[in-house]
N, C-alpha and C. Protein backbone atom coordinates (compact mmCIF):
# COMPACT_ATOMS: atom_id res chain seq x y z
N UNK A 1 -12.35 -39.06 50.06
CA UNK A 1 -11.81 -40.07 49.48
C UNK A 1 -12.29 -40.28 48.01
N UNK A 2 -13.74 -40.84 48.78
CA UNK A 2 -14.56 -41.91 48.31
C UNK A 2 -15.71 -40.52 47.65
N UNK A 3 -16.16 -39.77 47.60
CA UNK A 3 -16.85 -38.58 47.41
C UNK A 3 -15.53 -38.15 45.91
N UNK A 4 -14.11 -37.67 46.33
CA UNK A 4 -13.27 -37.05 45.58
C UNK A 4 -13.71 -37.88 44.39
N UNK A 5 -13.11 -39.64 44.33
CA UNK A 5 -13.17 -40.36 43.05
C UNK A 5 -14.78 -40.54 42.17
N UNK A 6 -15.82 -40.57 43.24
CA UNK A 6 -17.20 -40.53 42.48
C UNK A 6 -16.94 -38.73 41.43
N UNK A 7 -16.92 -37.85 41.99
CA UNK A 7 -16.79 -36.87 41.19
C UNK A 7 -16.00 -36.64 40.19
N UNK A 8 -15.15 -37.43 39.87
CA UNK A 8 -13.23 -37.31 38.88
C UNK A 8 -14.88 -38.26 38.30
N UNK A 9 -14.15 -39.36 38.80
CA UNK A 9 -14.93 -40.21 37.43
C UNK A 9 -16.37 -39.64 36.72
N UNK A 10 -17.52 -38.99 37.51
CA UNK A 10 -18.63 -38.04 36.65
C UNK A 10 -17.61 -37.01 35.84
N UNK A 11 -16.61 -36.39 36.23
CA UNK A 11 -16.30 -35.36 35.22
C UNK A 11 -15.20 -36.25 34.47
N UNK A 12 -14.89 -37.56 34.18
CA UNK A 12 -14.03 -37.77 33.07
C UNK A 12 -14.89 -38.24 32.11
N UNK A 13 -16.08 -39.25 32.82
CA UNK A 13 -16.79 -39.97 31.44
C UNK A 13 -17.56 -38.97 30.66
N UNK A 14 -17.43 -37.58 30.71
CA UNK A 14 -17.99 -36.53 30.28
C UNK A 14 -16.96 -36.41 28.96
N UNK A 15 -15.50 -36.78 29.50
CA UNK A 15 -14.47 -36.65 28.58
C UNK A 15 -14.31 -37.53 27.89
N UNK A 16 -12.72 -38.11 27.13
CA UNK A 16 -12.75 -38.53 26.51
C UNK A 16 -12.15 -39.70 27.26
N UNK A 17 -11.82 -39.71 28.49
CA UNK A 17 -11.38 -40.94 29.62
C UNK A 17 -12.78 -41.78 29.09
N UNK A 18 -12.10 -43.22 29.41
CA UNK A 18 -13.22 -43.99 29.24
C UNK A 18 -13.39 -45.04 30.13
N UNK A 19 -14.67 -45.50 31.32
CA UNK A 19 -14.02 -46.81 31.99
C UNK A 19 -14.84 -47.71 31.75
N UNK A 20 -14.50 -48.93 32.30
CA UNK A 20 -15.30 -50.18 32.25
C UNK A 20 -15.09 -50.84 34.20
N UNK A 21 -16.32 -51.03 33.68
CA UNK A 21 -16.86 -51.86 35.00
C UNK A 21 -16.68 -53.41 35.03
N UNK A 22 -15.85 -53.81 36.01
CA UNK A 22 -15.95 -54.97 36.12
C UNK A 22 -16.83 -56.14 37.16
N UNK A 23 -17.93 -55.40 37.78
CA UNK A 23 -18.44 -55.82 38.45
C UNK A 23 -17.63 -55.53 40.00
N UNK A 24 -18.60 -56.50 40.82
CA UNK A 24 -17.58 -56.57 42.20
C UNK A 24 -17.20 -57.51 41.90
N UNK A 25 -15.60 -57.64 42.46
CA UNK A 25 -14.48 -58.21 42.92
C UNK A 25 -14.36 -58.17 44.23
N UNK A 26 -14.56 -59.27 44.98
CA UNK A 26 -14.55 -59.42 46.46
C UNK A 26 -13.02 -60.27 46.53
N UNK A 27 -12.21 -59.16 47.50
CA UNK A 27 -10.50 -59.99 47.77
C UNK A 27 -10.26 -59.40 49.10
N UNK A 28 -9.21 -59.45 49.32
CA UNK A 28 -8.73 -58.63 50.61
C UNK A 28 -8.18 -57.40 49.67
N UNK A 29 -8.08 -56.42 50.72
CA UNK A 29 -7.83 -54.93 50.34
C UNK A 29 -5.69 -54.67 50.00
N UNK A 30 -5.95 -53.53 49.57
CA UNK A 30 -4.52 -53.38 49.05
C UNK A 30 -3.95 -52.52 49.85
N UNK A 31 -2.55 -53.50 50.56
CA UNK A 31 -2.29 -52.70 51.68
C UNK A 31 -0.95 -51.39 51.35
N UNK A 32 -0.71 -50.30 52.00
CA UNK A 32 0.13 -49.65 51.92
C UNK A 32 1.32 -50.52 52.07
N UNK A 33 2.10 -50.83 52.28
CA UNK A 33 2.75 -51.61 52.28
C UNK A 33 3.49 -51.91 50.79
N UNK A 34 2.28 -52.57 49.73
CA UNK A 34 1.76 -53.14 48.42
C UNK A 34 2.34 -51.95 47.41
N UNK A 35 1.82 -51.03 47.92
CA UNK A 35 1.47 -49.88 47.15
C UNK A 35 3.27 -49.12 46.92
N UNK A 36 4.05 -49.13 48.53
CA UNK A 36 5.08 -48.96 48.39
C UNK A 36 5.63 -49.28 47.73
N UNK A 37 6.12 -50.38 47.95
CA UNK A 37 6.70 -51.64 47.31
C UNK A 37 6.40 -51.77 45.60
N UNK A 38 5.16 -51.92 45.37
CA UNK A 38 5.51 -51.68 44.05
C UNK A 38 5.74 -50.20 43.18
N UNK A 39 5.34 -48.78 43.56
CA UNK A 39 5.83 -47.65 43.56
C UNK A 39 7.56 -47.35 43.42
N UNK A 40 8.16 -47.98 44.38
CA UNK A 40 9.65 -47.67 44.83
C UNK A 40 9.93 -48.69 43.44
N UNK A 41 9.91 -49.26 43.03
CA UNK A 41 10.22 -50.67 42.01
C UNK A 41 9.70 -50.20 40.73
N UNK A 42 8.89 -49.18 40.63
CA UNK A 42 8.52 -48.13 39.45
C UNK A 42 10.12 -47.90 38.54
N UNK A 43 10.88 -47.27 37.42
CA UNK A 43 11.78 -47.56 36.73
C UNK A 43 11.57 -45.73 36.58
N UNK A 44 12.75 -45.14 36.84
CA UNK A 44 11.89 -43.82 36.02
C UNK A 44 13.12 -43.48 35.10
N UNK A 45 12.38 -42.15 34.35
CA UNK A 45 12.67 -41.69 32.96
C UNK A 45 11.95 -42.50 31.62
N UNK A 46 10.73 -43.06 32.56
CA UNK A 46 10.24 -44.20 31.41
C UNK A 46 9.44 -43.57 30.76
N UNK A 47 9.09 -43.48 29.53
CA UNK A 47 7.79 -42.56 28.91
C UNK A 47 6.54 -43.24 29.66
N UNK A 48 5.51 -42.65 29.67
CA UNK A 48 4.21 -43.12 30.70
C UNK A 48 3.49 -44.04 29.20
N UNK A 49 2.39 -44.36 30.39
CA UNK A 49 1.39 -45.14 29.41
C UNK A 49 0.71 -44.11 29.07
N UNK A 50 -0.89 -44.91 28.79
CA UNK A 50 -1.83 -44.24 28.33
C UNK A 50 -2.30 -42.97 29.19
N UNK A 51 -1.95 -42.88 30.44
CA UNK A 51 -2.87 -42.61 31.44
C UNK A 51 -1.77 -41.51 31.75
N UNK A 52 -0.89 -41.44 30.96
CA UNK A 52 0.23 -40.16 31.10
C UNK A 52 0.58 -39.89 32.55
N UNK A 53 0.93 -40.55 33.55
CA UNK A 53 1.40 -40.24 34.82
C UNK A 53 2.92 -40.76 34.71
N UNK A 54 3.60 -40.44 34.92
CA UNK A 54 4.87 -40.78 35.03
C UNK A 54 5.03 -41.35 36.20
N UNK A 55 6.08 -41.86 36.38
CA UNK A 55 7.05 -43.42 37.53
C UNK A 55 7.68 -42.15 38.91
N UNK A 56 7.93 -40.90 38.16
CA UNK A 56 8.25 -39.94 39.19
C UNK A 56 7.08 -38.96 39.57
N UNK A 57 6.02 -39.12 39.06
CA UNK A 57 5.42 -38.41 39.91
C UNK A 57 4.41 -39.43 41.57
N UNK A 58 4.14 -40.63 40.96
CA UNK A 58 3.99 -41.44 41.50
C UNK A 58 4.76 -41.66 42.70
N UNK A 59 5.85 -41.90 42.65
CA UNK A 59 6.82 -41.55 44.09
C UNK A 59 6.91 -40.44 45.03
N UNK A 60 6.45 -39.41 44.19
CA UNK A 60 6.36 -38.04 44.97
C UNK A 60 4.72 -38.37 45.73
N UNK A 61 4.01 -39.22 45.57
CA UNK A 61 2.75 -39.02 45.60
C UNK A 61 2.60 -39.47 47.37
N UNK A 62 1.91 -39.44 48.18
CA UNK A 62 1.67 -39.65 49.72
C UNK A 62 1.10 -41.79 49.31
N UNK A 63 1.70 -42.44 49.96
CA UNK A 63 1.66 -43.76 49.45
C UNK A 63 0.26 -44.10 50.12
N UNK A 64 -0.29 -43.61 51.19
CA UNK A 64 -1.67 -43.72 51.54
C UNK A 64 -3.02 -43.49 51.06
N UNK A 65 -2.34 -42.45 50.46
CA UNK A 65 -3.73 -41.53 49.53
C UNK A 65 -3.29 -42.88 48.21
N UNK A 66 -3.15 -42.86 47.72
CA UNK A 66 -2.01 -43.65 46.74
C UNK A 66 -3.41 -45.41 47.08
N UNK A 67 -2.87 -45.51 48.21
CA UNK A 67 -3.66 -47.07 48.29
C UNK A 67 -4.74 -46.67 48.37
N UNK A 68 -5.55 -45.83 49.28
CA UNK A 68 -7.01 -45.36 49.55
C UNK A 68 -7.67 -45.40 47.86
N UNK A 69 -7.34 -44.72 46.72
CA UNK A 69 -7.37 -44.63 45.15
C UNK A 69 -7.52 -45.91 44.95
N UNK A 70 -6.44 -46.66 45.15
CA UNK A 70 -6.26 -47.78 44.34
C UNK A 70 -7.76 -49.00 44.82
N UNK A 71 -8.08 -48.69 46.31
CA UNK A 71 -8.54 -49.60 46.83
C UNK A 71 -10.25 -49.62 46.33
N UNK A 72 -10.10 -47.88 46.20
CA UNK A 72 -11.57 -47.03 45.97
C UNK A 72 -11.89 -47.64 44.76
N UNK A 73 -11.25 -47.43 43.49
CA UNK A 73 -11.07 -48.31 42.67
C UNK A 73 -11.09 -49.62 42.35
N UNK A 74 -10.72 -50.21 43.25
CA UNK A 74 -10.59 -51.69 43.26
C UNK A 74 -11.98 -52.46 44.08
N UNK A 75 -12.91 -51.32 44.60
CA UNK A 75 -13.42 -51.70 45.78
C UNK A 75 -15.17 -51.66 44.70
N UNK A 76 -14.93 -50.59 43.75
CA UNK A 76 -16.12 -49.79 42.75
C UNK A 76 -15.95 -50.58 41.80
N UNK A 77 -14.85 -51.40 41.39
CA UNK A 77 -15.31 -52.15 39.84
C UNK A 77 -15.07 -51.44 38.78
N UNK A 78 -15.19 -49.97 39.08
CA UNK A 78 -14.76 -48.94 38.06
C UNK A 78 -13.62 -48.26 37.45
N UNK A 79 -12.87 -48.96 36.71
CA UNK A 79 -11.31 -48.90 36.43
C UNK A 79 -11.29 -47.90 34.74
N UNK A 80 -10.45 -47.49 35.00
CA UNK A 80 -10.19 -46.14 33.67
C UNK A 80 -9.79 -47.52 33.06
N UNK A 81 -10.43 -47.17 31.43
CA UNK A 81 -9.75 -47.99 30.26
C UNK A 81 -8.10 -48.27 29.63
N UNK A 82 -7.73 -46.75 29.92
CA UNK A 82 -6.17 -46.64 29.79
C UNK A 82 -5.38 -47.24 30.62
N UNK A 83 -5.67 -47.97 31.99
CA UNK A 83 -5.55 -48.56 32.97
C UNK A 83 -5.15 -50.40 32.29
N UNK A 84 -5.98 -50.34 31.45
CA UNK A 84 -6.44 -52.32 31.23
C UNK A 84 -5.00 -52.14 29.85
N UNK A 85 -4.70 -51.10 29.25
CA UNK A 85 -4.05 -51.46 28.57
C UNK A 85 -2.10 -51.49 28.42
N UNK A 86 -1.38 -52.06 27.36
CA UNK A 86 -0.49 -51.65 27.73
C UNK A 86 0.50 -51.12 26.07
N UNK A 87 1.33 -50.59 26.75
CA UNK A 87 2.27 -50.68 25.23
C UNK A 87 3.70 -50.86 24.65
N UNK A 88 3.90 -51.96 24.13
CA UNK A 88 5.24 -52.26 24.08
C UNK A 88 6.08 -51.99 22.73
N UNK A 89 6.79 -51.75 22.85
CA UNK A 89 8.10 -50.93 21.90
C UNK A 89 9.31 -51.86 22.06
N UNK A 90 9.29 -52.63 20.45
CA UNK A 90 9.90 -53.68 20.29
C UNK A 90 11.48 -53.30 19.73
C-alpha cells in the first residue's frame, strides 16, 4: 500500500494536484471502526468537494483499504491540498 501511495504522489505532483507537507505528526493510528463510522455517516446525494470523491464511492470501498490509505497519509504528513479546503454554499 505504501508503494502505491508513493507512486500516486509522484504521478499527481506533476499534475494539477498539489500536496502540502505538515511534517511528522505523532499520535495513535486511525482505526478501521473509526473509518467505518465516518463513512457510514456521510450523506448520499451531496456534491463532492474539491477532491471530486462522492460519498457513495467511499461507501463502496473496503474500510480496511481506506484505513491503510488514511494512516499512510497521516504518517507521511503529506496531504492533498484539496482535502484542506471546504466549500460552503449559503
